[in-house]
């Protein structure tokens, strides 16, 4: 297998200030590097204005003109649009809201999302290879040709870190009561209404006698420490209105932590692999019943099938196989045109 030189263009990447921001991008590309390939990251810090995207477009075109890279891999639709106007092969990974949008309070999607989706569609049309995190995202692509050639490759999980562990030891390290029943809600309720903390809180208030539990809000934890939180909890709760392929669900399952979740993104696919989890309607009573069902069992599930499917090594190999297919197709096309 040839060693490839990959330029990664992304608007999500961990920093000391935001250690979990885009950590799945960093993990995936670290897995690609482990396979013997060279990766350079061009991080577009576009969270405050669109200016960095315009500068990023110029930067990407400059870098790719120098012949230093074989392929560009853009993560998120806006990054894909930035990388779509240069000459070397391009793979775009779509991550969720770039294709599905961000809901607004009126039941539609925000105006900013509508623009991002249009730019994502342009990126998909111009890309040589397309990765979607879930089947639902693939189906949202408006052009049948793009749907047909898109590959569904979920974010990998560092299964060396996210694996079964001892609850008592984890609670001891975190200074938690050994007897409290804890429902892990790994989102910041102040940052996004999409995560529906209100629904999670209401569901916990609906728990019947004998199923009392605490809703445990956890956010801003570095990836290295996060496994202890999964090990310490009794279940994970996901109540979002909107997700692509939520990493928290896959990480929890890899830690053998049962999950109660609404049917969003690709959660149904992963929960089907792990008996003992509950897929529920987006309703406080239904969610409460799911939590009660999980809390009434032995407390751990068998996430071995998820660990096998989502190890970083396996996902990295799938990504590199797509690179190879894209490069071979471009070479064949160029040969025919000569």
Protein backbone atom coordinates (compact mmCIF):
# COMPACT_ATOMS: atom_id res chain seq x y z
CA UNK A 1 0.00 0.00 0.00
CA UNK A 2 1.36 3.40 -0.99
CA UNK A 3 2.01 6.06 1.61
CA UNK A 4 -0.30 9.02 1.03
CA UNK A 5 0.15 12.70 1.81
CA UNK A 6 -3.16 14.05 3.13
CA UNK A 7 -4.17 17.66 3.69
CA UNK A 8 -6.97 17.79 6.28
CA UNK A 9 -9.20 20.86 6.14
CA UNK A 10 -11.50 21.21 9.14
CA UNK A 11 -13.37 23.80 11.17
CA UNK A 12 -13.44 21.42 14.15
CA UNK A 13 -10.26 20.43 15.97
CA UNK A 14 -9.21 20.17 19.63
CA UNK A 15 -7.39 23.09 21.24
CA UNK A 16 -6.19 23.62 24.82
CA UNK A 17 -9.24 25.85 25.36
CA UNK A 18 -11.67 23.36 23.75
CA UNK A 19 -10.11 19.90 24.19
CA UNK A 20 -13.19 17.99 22.98
CA UNK A 21 -14.02 20.22 19.99
CA UNK A 22 -13.67 18.03 16.91
CA UNK A 23 -11.81 15.36 18.84
CA UNK A 24 -13.32 12.74 16.52
CA UNK A 25 -11.51 14.38 13.59
CA UNK A 26 -8.20 14.24 15.44
CA UNK A 27 -8.75 10.59 16.38
CA UNK A 28 -9.67 9.55 12.87
CA UNK A 29 -6.66 11.23 11.32
CA UNK A 30 -4.35 9.83 14.02
CA UNK A 31 -5.63 6.40 12.98
CA UNK A 32 -4.80 7.19 9.35
CA UNK A 33 -1.29 8.26 10.39
CA UNK A 34 -0.84 4.95 12.26
CA UNK A 35 -1.34 3.20 8.94
CA UNK A 36 1.77 4.92 7.59
CA UNK A 37 0.33 8.02 5.93
CA UNK A 38 1.30 11.68 6.39
CA UNK A 39 -1.32 14.14 7.63
CA UNK A 40 -1.20 17.94 7.77
CA UNK A 41 -4.12 19.78 9.37
CA UNK A 42 -5.40 23.14 8.16
CA UNK A 43 -7.70 24.30 10.98
CA UNK A 44 -10.21 26.98 10.00
CA UNK A 45 -11.31 28.83 13.13
CA UNK A 46 -14.62 30.03 11.77
CA UNK A 47 -16.72 30.04 14.93
CA UNK A 48 -16.93 33.84 15.14
CA UNK A 49 -17.02 35.04 11.53
CA UNK A 50 -16.85 33.85 7.93
CA UNK A 51 -13.52 35.63 7.32
CA UNK A 52 -11.37 32.59 8.18
CA UNK A 53 -13.23 30.56 5.52
CA UNK A 54 -12.27 33.01 2.76
CA UNK A 55 -8.66 32.99 3.95
CA UNK A 56 -8.82 29.21 4.25
CA UNK A 57 -9.88 28.90 0.61
CA UNK A 58 -6.83 30.87 -0.51
CA UNK A 59 -4.59 28.89 1.83
CA UNK A 60 -5.87 25.51 0.57
CA UNK A 61 -5.42 26.51 -3.06
CA UNK A 62 -1.87 27.63 -2.31
CA UNK A 63 -0.97 24.44 -0.46
CA UNK A 64 -2.38 22.12 -3.11
CA UNK A 65 -0.62 23.94 -5.98
CA UNK A 66 2.76 23.04 -4.52
CA UNK A 67 2.42 19.29 -5.18
CA UNK A 68 2.95 18.42 -1.51
CA UNK A 69 -0.28 16.43 -1.14
CA UNK A 70 -2.02 13.54 -2.88
CA UNK A 71 -5.51 14.21 -1.55
CA UNK A 72 -7.56 16.67 0.52
CA UNK A 73 -9.92 15.43 3.23
CA UNK A 74 -12.36 18.07 4.44
CA UNK A 75 -14.42 17.55 7.59
CA UNK A 76 -17.81 19.34 7.69
CA UNK A 77 -19.62 20.82 4.72
CA UNK A 78 -18.29 24.38 5.05
CA UNK A 79 -14.75 23.04 5.10
CA UNK A 80 -15.65 20.96 2.06
CA UNK A 81 -16.82 24.08 0.24
CA UNK A 82 -13.55 25.81 1.14
CA UNK A 83 -11.58 22.87 -0.29
CA UNK A 84 -13.75 22.34 -3.36
CA UNK A 85 -12.01 24.88 -5.59
CA UNK A 86 -8.57 23.33 -6.05
CA UNK A 87 -7.25 20.69 -8.42
CA UNK A 88 -6.30 17.58 -6.45
CA UNK A 89 -8.77 14.86 -5.38
CA UNK A 90 -11.14 15.80 -2.57
CA UNK A 91 -12.98 13.72 0.03
CA UNK A 92 -15.62 15.47 2.15
CA UNK A 93 -16.90 14.09 5.45
CA UNK A 94 -20.33 15.43 6.40
CA UNK A 95 -20.95 15.48 10.13
CA UNK A 96 -24.61 16.25 10.86
CA UNK A 97 -25.99 19.78 10.83
CA UNK A 98 -24.10 20.58 7.62
CA UNK A 99 -26.63 18.38 5.78
CA UNK A 100 -29.54 18.18 8.24
CA UNK A 101 -29.59 21.75 9.54
CA UNK A 102 -30.04 23.28 12.97
CA UNK A 103 -33.69 23.51 14.08
CA UNK A 104 -35.16 26.88 14.96
CA UNK A 105 -37.94 27.62 17.44
CA UNK A 106 -40.61 27.53 14.73
CA UNK A 107 -40.03 23.92 13.71
CA UNK A 108 -37.89 24.74 10.66
CA UNK A 109 -34.16 25.31 10.41
CA UNK A 110 -32.18 28.48 10.94
CA UNK A 111 -31.31 30.77 8.04
CA UNK A 112 -27.62 30.16 8.69
CA UNK A 113 -28.25 26.42 8.39
CA UNK A 114 -30.01 26.86 5.07
CA UNK A 115 -26.93 28.61 3.68
CA UNK A 116 -24.59 25.98 5.13
CA UNK A 117 -26.66 23.18 3.59
CA UNK A 118 -26.53 24.82 0.15
CA UNK A 119 -22.76 25.17 0.40
CA UNK A 120 -22.52 21.55 1.58
CA UNK A 121 -24.48 20.40 -1.47
CA UNK A 122 -22.02 22.25 -3.71
CA UNK A 123 -19.13 20.61 -1.87
CA UNK A 124 -20.69 17.18 -2.33
CA UNK A 125 -21.22 17.74 -6.05
CA UNK A 126 -17.57 18.79 -6.52
CA UNK A 127 -16.05 16.13 -4.26
CA UNK A 128 -14.40 12.97 -5.58
CA UNK A 129 -15.46 11.02 -2.48
CA UNK A 130 -18.19 11.54 0.11
CA UNK A 131 -18.43 10.24 3.68
CA UNK A 132 -21.63 10.53 5.72
CA UNK A 133 -21.80 9.61 9.40
CA UNK A 134 -25.22 7.96 9.10
CA UNK A 135 -27.59 6.52 6.52
CA UNK A 136 -30.06 9.32 7.20
CA UNK A 137 -27.44 11.89 6.27
CA UNK A 138 -26.64 10.04 3.06
CA UNK A 139 -30.31 9.99 2.13
CA UNK A 140 -30.54 13.76 2.70
CA UNK A 141 -28.18 14.47 -0.22
CA UNK A 142 -30.43 15.91 -2.95
CA UNK A 143 -28.54 14.51 -5.94
CA UNK A 144 -29.03 10.77 -6.55
CA UNK A 145 -25.51 10.51 -7.98
CA UNK A 146 -24.08 11.81 -4.73
CA UNK A 147 -26.25 9.47 -2.64
CA UNK A 148 -25.14 6.49 -4.71
CA UNK A 149 -21.43 7.15 -4.29
CA UNK A 150 -21.47 8.32 -0.67
CA UNK A 151 -20.11 5.90 1.91
CA UNK A 152 -21.46 5.68 5.45
CA UNK A 153 -18.48 5.61 7.82
CA UNK A 154 -19.15 6.50 11.45
CA UNK A 155 -16.68 8.18 13.74
CA UNK A 156 -14.34 5.66 15.30
CA UNK A 157 -13.88 5.22 19.03
CA UNK A 158 -10.59 4.87 20.87
CA UNK A 159 -11.41 1.43 22.21
CA UNK A 160 -8.16 1.31 24.16
CA UNK A 161 -9.63 4.06 26.37
CA UNK A 162 -13.38 3.58 25.97
CA UNK A 163 -13.80 0.03 27.24
CA UNK A 164 -15.44 -1.65 30.25
CA UNK A 165 -14.24 -0.48 33.65
CA UNK A 166 -14.97 -0.73 37.36
CA UNK A 167 -17.81 1.49 38.59
CA UNK A 168 -16.68 1.66 42.21
CA UNK A 169 -13.13 2.65 41.26
CA UNK A 170 -14.39 5.30 38.84
CA UNK A 171 -16.73 6.79 41.44
CA UNK A 172 -13.92 6.84 43.94
CA UNK A 173 -11.68 8.74 41.54
CA UNK A 174 -14.46 11.24 40.82
CA UNK A 175 -15.47 11.66 44.45
CA UNK A 176 -19.00 10.36 43.90
CA UNK A 177 -21.35 8.54 46.23
CA UNK A 178 -21.13 4.76 45.79
CA UNK A 179 -24.91 4.38 46.13
CA UNK A 180 -26.47 7.19 44.06
CA UNK A 181 -28.06 6.18 40.79
CA UNK A 182 -26.70 8.50 38.13
CA UNK A 183 -28.19 9.21 34.71
CA UNK A 184 -25.40 10.68 32.62
CA UNK A 185 -26.39 13.63 30.41
CA UNK A 186 -23.13 14.50 28.63
CA UNK A 187 -24.18 17.85 27.17
CA UNK A 188 -24.00 21.47 28.27
CA UNK A 189 -27.68 22.46 28.74
CA UNK A 190 -26.80 26.14 28.45
CA UNK A 191 -25.26 25.87 24.98
CA UNK A 192 -27.82 24.19 22.77
CA UNK A 193 -31.58 23.85 23.01
CA UNK A 194 -31.30 21.03 20.46
CA UNK A 195 -29.98 18.69 23.18
CA UNK A 196 -33.31 19.06 25.05
CA UNK A 197 -32.15 19.22 28.63
CA UNK A 198 -35.71 20.25 29.48
CA UNK A 199 -36.98 16.92 28.17
CA UNK A 200 -34.32 14.98 30.08
CA UNK A 201 -35.13 16.80 33.33
CA UNK A 202 -38.86 16.25 32.87
CA UNK A 203 -38.33 12.54 32.20
CA UNK A 204 -36.34 12.12 35.43
CA UNK A 205 -39.14 13.87 37.31
CA UNK A 206 -41.54 11.26 35.87
CA UNK A 207 -39.61 8.33 37.37
CA UNK A 208 -41.78 6.16 39.58
CA UNK A 209 -41.22 5.20 43.20
CA UNK A 210 -38.25 2.90 43.61
CA UNK A 211 -36.51 4.28 40.52
CA UNK A 212 -35.22 7.55 41.94
CA UNK A 213 -32.08 8.78 40.19
CA UNK A 214 -30.08 11.94 39.64
CA UNK A 215 -29.63 13.63 36.28
CA UNK A 216 -25.87 14.07 36.04
CA UNK A 217 -24.85 16.88 33.68
CA UNK A 218 -21.31 16.43 32.41
CA UNK A 219 -19.55 18.64 29.88
CA UNK A 220 -16.13 20.12 29.18
CA UNK A 221 -14.33 16.97 30.33
CA UNK A 222 -11.12 16.10 28.45
CA UNK A 223 -11.27 12.89 26.39
CA UNK A 224 -8.67 11.23 28.61
CA UNK A 225 -10.91 11.54 31.68
CA UNK A 226 -14.26 10.84 30.05
CA UNK A 227 -14.15 7.01 30.39
CA UNK A 228 -14.39 7.35 34.18
CA UNK A 229 -17.70 9.19 33.78
CA UNK A 230 -19.14 6.41 31.63
CA UNK A 231 -17.89 3.80 34.10
CA UNK A 232 -19.37 5.68 37.06
CA UNK A 233 -22.86 6.18 35.59
CA UNK A 234 -25.86 3.84 35.66
CA UNK A 235 -27.03 4.80 32.18
CA UNK A 236 -26.59 7.45 29.52
CA UNK A 237 -29.55 9.56 28.40
CA UNK A 238 -29.82 11.22 24.97
CA UNK A 239 -32.89 13.39 24.30
CA UNK A 240 -31.70 15.52 21.36
CA UNK A 241 -34.02 16.79 18.66
CA UNK A 242 -31.23 16.48 16.14
CA UNK A 243 -28.02 14.43 15.82
CA UNK A 244 -25.91 12.96 13.04
CA UNK A 245 -23.99 10.11 14.64
CA UNK A 246 -23.58 11.01 18.32
CA UNK A 247 -20.19 9.98 19.67
CA UNK A 248 -21.42 9.91 23.26
CA UNK A 249 -23.73 6.97 22.50
CA UNK A 250 -20.98 4.95 20.85
CA UNK A 251 -18.47 5.73 23.59
CA UNK A 252 -20.97 4.73 26.28
CA UNK A 253 -21.73 1.43 24.56
CA UNK A 254 -18.01 0.72 24.19
CA UNK A 255 -17.80 1.17 27.98
CA UNK A 256 -20.71 -1.30 28.45
CA UNK A 257 -22.92 1.51 29.77
CA UNK A 258 -26.61 1.08 28.88
CA UNK A 259 -28.17 3.87 26.83
CA UNK A 260 -31.68 5.31 26.82
CA UNK A 261 -32.17 7.43 23.73
CA UNK A 262 -34.75 8.94 21.44
CA UNK A 263 -34.65 7.76 17.83
CA UNK A 264 -32.26 10.30 16.35
CA UNK A 265 -29.35 10.06 13.91
CA UNK A 266 -27.95 6.54 13.72
CA UNK A 267 -28.60 5.68 17.38
CA UNK A 268 -31.09 2.94 16.44
CA UNK A 269 -28.39 1.13 14.48
CA UNK A 270 -26.00 0.94 17.42
CA UNK A 271 -28.58 0.18 20.10
CA UNK A 272 -29.81 -2.77 18.02
CA UNK A 273 -26.40 -4.36 18.62
CA UNK A 274 -26.63 -4.09 22.41
CA UNK A 275 -29.51 -5.78 24.27
CA UNK A 276 -30.43 -3.97 27.45
CA UNK A 277 -30.62 -0.47 25.93
CA UNK A 278 -33.86 1.40 25.25
CA UNK A 279 -34.94 3.35 22.17
CA UNK A 280 -37.86 5.56 23.23
CA UNK A 281 -40.28 8.17 21.95
CA UNK A 282 -39.46 11.83 22.51
CA UNK A 283 -41.87 12.09 25.42
CA UNK A 284 -41.11 12.45 29.15
CA UNK A 285 -43.27 9.47 30.14
CA UNK A 286 -41.79 7.16 27.49
CA UNK A 287 -38.26 8.22 28.38
CA UNK A 288 -38.95 7.66 32.07
CA UNK A 289 -40.21 4.13 31.30
CA UNK A 290 -37.02 3.44 29.36
CA UNK A 291 -34.89 4.64 32.25
CA UNK A 292 -36.86 2.52 34.71
CA UNK A 293 -36.40 -0.52 32.49
CA UNK A 294 -32.63 0.00 32.38
CA UNK A 295 -32.28 0.79 36.08
CA UNK A 296 -34.19 -2.39 36.92
CA UNK A 297 -31.55 -4.61 35.25
CA UNK A 298 -28.08 -5.68 36.33
CA UNK A 299 -26.58 -2.36 35.23
CA UNK A 300 -24.09 -3.26 32.49
CA UNK A 301 -24.54 -4.29 28.87
CA UNK A 302 -22.28 -6.08 26.39
CA UNK A 303 -20.88 -3.53 23.94
CA UNK A 304 -18.36 -5.89 22.35
CA UNK A 305 -20.03 -5.76 18.92
CA UNK A 306 -19.88 -1.97 18.92
CA UNK A 307 -16.23 -2.02 20.01
CA UNK A 308 -15.43 -4.40 17.16
CA UNK A 309 -17.24 -2.25 14.58
CA UNK A 310 -15.92 1.13 15.72
CA UNK A 311 -12.30 0.61 16.67
CA UNK A 312 -10.21 3.50 15.36
CA UNK A 313 -8.05 1.11 13.34
CA UNK A 314 -11.01 -0.33 11.44
CA UNK A 315 -12.50 3.10 10.68
CA UNK A 316 -9.11 4.44 9.55
CA UNK A 317 -8.74 1.51 7.14
CA UNK A 318 -12.18 2.25 5.67
CA UNK A 319 -11.22 5.89 5.17
CA UNK A 320 -7.93 4.99 3.50
CA UNK A 321 -9.73 2.51 1.22
CA UNK A 322 -11.89 5.42 0.06
CA UNK A 323 -8.77 7.54 -0.55
CA UNK A 324 -7.34 4.75 -2.69
CA UNK A 325 -10.57 4.37 -4.68
CA UNK A 326 -10.75 8.13 -5.27
CA UNK A 327 -7.13 8.34 -6.41
CA UNK A 328 -7.50 5.32 -8.71
CA UNK A 329 -10.65 6.79 -10.27
CA UNK A 330 -8.96 10.16 -10.83
CA UNK A 331 -5.90 8.48 -12.38
CA UNK A 332 -8.11 6.39 -14.68
CA UNK A 333 -10.06 9.47 -15.77
CA UNK A 334 -6.90 11.46 -16.41
CA UNK A 335 -5.49 8.58 -18.46
CA UNK A 336 -8.60 8.47 -20.66
CA UNK A 337 -8.43 12.22 -21.23
CA UNK A 338 -4.81 12.21 -22.34
